Amino acid sequence: MIVTFIVPILLWLSQCVFAAVTQTGTACVVTPLNTGTSADDSTQIMDAYKRCGNGGSIEFTAGTFYIGKVMDWSNLKNVDIKILGKWVWSTNIQ
């Protein structure tokens, strides 16, 4: 009975895509929270800018990145940015 319950949960978790910033040296790879427009990816994007935005590279993987707040890009210096996914901005940014 427990196995019947655990297997579907493990399958579901393996299909979920969680936002993350993976860093190797000065290279960051960012994945979106999901493919919809409900979860804000701004925090992960700003984290990548902070970690790799000065003399490094940042790659945004395929998927939809939802931007729900103002992001400061003024500290980016000599950085290569590769956007493979789609960026969608909220229409209600304060």
N, C-alpha and C. Protein backbone atom coordinates (compact mmCIF):
# COMPACT_ATOMS: atom_id res chain seq x y z
N MET A 1 0.83 -1.19 0.00
CA MET A 1 0.00 0.00 0.00
C MET A 1 0.87 1.26 0.00
N ILE A 2 1.93 1.26 0.81
CA ILE A 2 2.82 2.42 0.87
C ILE A 2 3.53 2.62 -0.46
N VAL A 3 3.98 1.53 -1.08
CA VAL A 3 4.67 1.62 -2.37
C VAL A 3 3.75 2.25 -3.41
N THR A 4 2.48 1.90 -3.39
CA THR A 4 1.52 2.45 -4.34
C THR A 4 1.42 3.97 -4.18
N PHE A 5 1.58 4.47 -2.98
CA PHE A 5 1.50 5.90 -2.71
C PHE A 5 2.81 6.62 -3.03
N ILE A 6 3.93 6.00 -2.72
CA ILE A 6 5.24 6.64 -2.89
C ILE A 6 5.66 6.74 -4.35
N VAL A 7 5.42 5.73 -5.14
CA VAL A 7 5.85 5.73 -6.54
C VAL A 7 5.26 6.91 -7.32
N PRO A 8 3.95 7.19 -7.25
CA PRO A 8 3.43 8.36 -7.98
C PRO A 8 4.04 9.68 -7.51
N ILE A 9 4.31 9.80 -6.24
CA ILE A 9 4.92 11.03 -5.72
C ILE A 9 6.33 11.18 -6.27
N LEU A 10 7.11 10.12 -6.28
CA LEU A 10 8.47 10.18 -6.82
C LEU A 10 8.46 10.50 -8.31
N LEU A 11 7.53 9.94 -9.05
CA LEU A 11 7.42 10.26 -10.47
C LEU A 11 7.07 11.73 -10.68
N TRP A 12 6.15 12.23 -9.86
CA TRP A 12 5.76 13.64 -9.96
C TRP A 12 6.94 14.55 -9.65
N LEU A 13 7.69 14.25 -8.59
CA LEU A 13 8.85 15.06 -8.23
C LEU A 13 9.92 15.04 -9.31
N SER A 14 10.09 13.93 -9.96
CA SER A 14 11.11 13.85 -11.01
C SER A 14 10.75 14.67 -12.23
N GLN A 15 9.48 15.00 -12.40
CA GLN A 15 9.04 15.80 -13.54
C GLN A 15 8.99 17.28 -13.24
N CYS A 16 9.07 17.66 -11.98
CA CYS A 16 8.99 19.07 -11.60
C CYS A 16 10.28 19.78 -11.97
N VAL A 17 10.17 21.03 -12.37
CA VAL A 17 11.35 21.83 -12.68
C VAL A 17 11.41 22.95 -11.65
N PHE A 18 12.46 22.98 -10.88
CA PHE A 18 12.62 23.98 -9.85
C PHE A 18 13.66 25.00 -10.30
N ALA A 19 13.40 26.26 -9.99
CA ALA A 19 14.36 27.30 -10.35
C ALA A 19 15.63 27.08 -9.56
N ALA A 20 16.72 27.25 -10.23
CA ALA A 20 17.99 27.08 -9.56
C ALA A 20 19.06 27.84 -10.31
N VAL A 21 20.06 28.23 -9.57
CA VAL A 21 21.26 28.81 -10.16
C VAL A 21 22.38 27.82 -9.88
N THR A 22 22.92 27.24 -10.93
CA THR A 22 24.04 26.33 -10.80
C THR A 22 25.28 27.08 -11.24
N GLN A 23 26.28 27.08 -10.37
CA GLN A 23 27.50 27.84 -10.66
C GLN A 23 28.70 26.92 -10.76
N THR A 24 29.47 27.12 -11.83
CA THR A 24 30.75 26.45 -12.01
C THR A 24 31.77 27.54 -12.33
N GLY A 25 32.61 27.86 -11.36
CA GLY A 25 33.55 28.97 -11.54
C GLY A 25 32.79 30.27 -11.69
N THR A 26 33.00 30.96 -12.82
CA THR A 26 32.29 32.22 -13.06
C THR A 26 31.15 32.04 -14.06
N ALA A 27 30.74 30.80 -14.29
CA ALA A 27 29.62 30.50 -15.20
C ALA A 27 28.41 30.05 -14.39
N CYS A 28 27.27 30.71 -14.65
CA CYS A 28 26.02 30.35 -13.99
C CYS A 28 25.01 29.87 -15.02
N VAL A 29 24.22 28.87 -14.64
CA VAL A 29 23.12 28.38 -15.46
C VAL A 29 21.86 28.51 -14.61
N VAL A 30 20.83 29.16 -15.17
CA VAL A 30 19.59 29.42 -14.43
C VAL A 30 18.44 28.68 -15.09
N THR A 31 17.65 27.95 -14.30
CA THR A 31 16.45 27.29 -14.79
C THR A 31 15.23 27.97 -14.19
N PRO A 32 14.13 28.04 -14.93
CA PRO A 32 12.93 28.72 -14.41
C PRO A 32 12.18 27.87 -13.38
N LEU A 33 11.36 28.56 -12.58
CA LEU A 33 10.53 27.86 -11.60
C LEU A 33 9.54 26.92 -12.27
N ASN A 34 8.90 27.39 -13.32
CA ASN A 34 7.96 26.56 -14.06
C ASN A 34 7.77 27.12 -15.45
N THR A 35 6.85 26.56 -16.20
CA THR A 35 6.63 27.03 -17.57
C THR A 35 5.44 27.96 -17.68
N GLY A 36 4.83 28.31 -16.58
CA GLY A 36 3.68 29.22 -16.60
C GLY A 36 4.07 30.62 -16.19
N THR A 37 3.10 31.39 -15.82
CA THR A 37 3.35 32.77 -15.41
C THR A 37 2.85 33.01 -13.99
N SER A 38 3.10 32.07 -13.09
CA SER A 38 2.61 32.24 -11.73
C SER A 38 3.73 32.39 -10.71
N ALA A 39 4.89 31.85 -10.96
CA ALA A 39 5.99 31.91 -10.00
C ALA A 39 7.03 32.92 -10.47
N ASP A 40 7.51 33.76 -9.56
CA ASP A 40 8.44 34.84 -9.89
C ASP A 40 9.88 34.33 -9.89
N ASP A 41 10.55 34.46 -11.02
CA ASP A 41 11.94 34.02 -11.18
C ASP A 41 12.94 35.15 -10.93
N SER A 42 12.48 36.34 -10.55
CA SER A 42 13.36 37.49 -10.37
C SER A 42 14.49 37.23 -9.38
N THR A 43 14.20 36.57 -8.29
CA THR A 43 15.21 36.31 -7.26
C THR A 43 16.35 35.46 -7.81
N GLN A 44 16.02 34.41 -8.58
CA GLN A 44 17.05 33.54 -9.15
C GLN A 44 17.87 34.29 -10.20
N ILE A 45 17.22 35.14 -10.96
CA ILE A 45 17.92 35.92 -11.98
C ILE A 45 18.91 36.87 -11.32
N MET A 46 18.47 37.57 -10.27
CA MET A 46 19.35 38.50 -9.56
C MET A 46 20.49 37.77 -8.85
N ASP A 47 20.22 36.56 -8.38
CA ASP A 47 21.27 35.76 -7.75
C ASP A 47 22.35 35.41 -8.78
N ALA A 48 21.94 35.05 -9.99
CA ALA A 48 22.92 34.76 -11.05
C ALA A 48 23.71 36.01 -11.41
N TYR A 49 23.05 37.16 -11.47
CA TYR A 49 23.75 38.41 -11.76
C TYR A 49 24.80 38.69 -10.69
N LYS A 50 24.45 38.45 -9.45
CA LYS A 50 25.37 38.70 -8.34
C LYS A 50 26.57 37.75 -8.40
N ARG A 51 26.31 36.48 -8.66
CA ARG A 51 27.37 35.47 -8.66
C ARG A 51 28.29 35.56 -9.89
N CYS A 52 27.71 35.77 -11.07
CA CYS A 52 28.48 35.62 -12.31
C CYS A 52 28.42 36.85 -13.21
N GLY A 53 27.88 37.93 -12.72
CA GLY A 53 27.67 39.11 -13.55
C GLY A 53 28.85 40.03 -13.70
N ASN A 54 30.00 39.65 -13.17
CA ASN A 54 31.19 40.48 -13.30
C ASN A 54 32.32 39.60 -13.86
N GLY A 55 32.50 39.64 -15.18
CA GLY A 55 33.57 38.86 -15.81
C GLY A 55 33.23 37.40 -16.04
N GLY A 56 31.95 37.05 -15.96
CA GLY A 56 31.56 35.65 -16.14
C GLY A 56 30.58 35.47 -17.26
N SER A 57 29.79 34.41 -17.15
CA SER A 57 28.75 34.14 -18.14
C SER A 57 27.52 33.60 -17.43
N ILE A 58 26.35 33.92 -18.00
CA ILE A 58 25.08 33.46 -17.45
C ILE A 58 24.25 32.89 -18.58
N GLU A 59 23.77 31.67 -18.39
CA GLU A 59 22.89 31.04 -19.38
C GLU A 59 21.53 30.80 -18.75
N PHE A 60 20.49 31.26 -19.43
CA PHE A 60 19.11 31.02 -19.01
C PHE A 60 18.57 29.91 -19.89
N THR A 61 18.23 28.77 -19.28
CA THR A 61 17.83 27.58 -20.02
C THR A 61 16.48 27.77 -20.70
N ALA A 62 16.09 26.79 -21.49
CA ALA A 62 14.78 26.80 -22.13
C ALA A 62 13.69 26.79 -21.07
N GLY A 63 12.56 27.39 -21.38
CA GLY A 63 11.45 27.48 -20.45
C GLY A 63 11.01 28.92 -20.35
N THR A 64 10.02 29.18 -19.51
CA THR A 64 9.48 30.52 -19.35
C THR A 64 9.90 31.09 -18.01
N PHE A 65 10.60 32.22 -18.05
CA PHE A 65 10.99 32.95 -16.85
C PHE A 65 9.98 34.06 -16.63
N TYR A 66 9.36 34.09 -15.47
CA TYR A 66 8.38 35.12 -15.14
C TYR A 66 9.03 36.16 -14.24
N ILE A 67 8.98 37.43 -14.66
CA ILE A 67 9.59 38.53 -13.91
C ILE A 67 8.47 39.31 -13.23
N GLY A 68 8.47 39.31 -11.90
CA GLY A 68 7.40 39.96 -11.15
C GLY A 68 7.82 41.17 -10.35
N LYS A 69 9.11 41.54 -10.42
CA LYS A 69 9.56 42.72 -9.69
C LYS A 69 10.73 43.39 -10.42
N VAL A 70 11.02 44.60 -10.02
CA VAL A 70 12.10 45.37 -10.63
C VAL A 70 13.43 44.69 -10.34
N MET A 71 14.29 44.61 -11.35
CA MET A 71 15.61 44.01 -11.19
C MET A 71 16.67 45.06 -11.53
N ASP A 72 17.71 45.14 -10.71
CA ASP A 72 18.81 46.08 -10.93
C ASP A 72 19.89 45.40 -11.76
N TRP A 73 20.15 45.93 -12.95
CA TRP A 73 21.14 45.37 -13.85
C TRP A 73 22.40 46.23 -13.88
N SER A 74 22.47 47.24 -13.04
CA SER A 74 23.56 48.22 -13.13
C SER A 74 24.93 47.65 -12.75
N ASN A 75 24.99 46.54 -12.06
CA ASN A 75 26.28 45.99 -11.64
C ASN A 75 26.87 44.97 -12.62
N LEU A 76 26.20 44.74 -13.75
CA LEU A 76 26.72 43.79 -14.74
C LEU A 76 27.91 44.41 -15.46
N LYS A 77 29.03 43.67 -15.51
CA LYS A 77 30.24 44.15 -16.18
C LYS A 77 30.91 42.99 -16.90
N ASN A 78 31.15 43.17 -18.20
CA ASN A 78 31.89 42.19 -18.98
C ASN A 78 31.33 40.77 -18.79
N VAL A 79 30.03 40.63 -19.01
CA VAL A 79 29.36 39.35 -18.82
C VAL A 79 28.71 38.90 -20.13
N ASP A 80 28.83 37.62 -20.43
CA ASP A 80 28.15 37.03 -21.58
C ASP A 80 26.83 36.44 -21.09
N ILE A 81 25.72 36.84 -21.71
CA ILE A 81 24.41 36.34 -21.31
C ILE A 81 23.78 35.62 -22.50
N LYS A 82 23.35 34.39 -22.25
CA LYS A 82 22.72 33.58 -23.27
C LYS A 82 21.31 33.24 -22.80
N ILE A 83 20.31 33.67 -23.57
CA ILE A 83 18.91 33.42 -23.20
C ILE A 83 18.32 32.41 -24.18
N LEU A 84 18.05 31.21 -23.69
CA LEU A 84 17.47 30.16 -24.51
C LEU A 84 15.96 30.06 -24.30
N GLY A 85 15.50 30.61 -23.19
CA GLY A 85 14.08 30.55 -22.86
C GLY A 85 13.36 31.84 -23.20
N LYS A 86 12.18 31.97 -22.67
CA LYS A 86 11.32 33.12 -22.91
C LYS A 86 11.16 33.88 -21.59
N TRP A 87 11.22 35.22 -21.66
CA TRP A 87 11.04 36.06 -20.48
C TRP A 87 9.69 36.75 -20.59
N VAL A 88 8.88 36.66 -19.53
CA VAL A 88 7.58 37.31 -19.49
C VAL A 88 7.55 38.23 -18.27
N TRP A 89 7.25 39.51 -18.51
CA TRP A 89 7.18 40.48 -17.42
C TRP A 89 5.74 40.65 -16.96
N SER A 90 5.58 40.80 -15.65
CA SER A 90 4.28 41.08 -15.08
C SER A 90 3.79 42.44 -15.55
N THR A 91 2.51 42.59 -15.67
CA THR A 91 1.95 43.89 -16.04
C THR A 91 1.70 44.73 -14.80
N ASN A 92 2.04 44.21 -13.62
CA ASN A 92 1.80 44.91 -12.37
C ASN A 92 3.06 44.96 -11.51
N ILE A 93 4.14 45.55 -12.04
CA ILE A 93 5.39 45.68 -11.30
C ILE A 93 5.38 47.03 -10.59
N GLN A 94 5.60 46.99 -9.29
CA GLN A 94 5.60 48.23 -8.49
C GLN A 94 6.84 49.03 -8.72
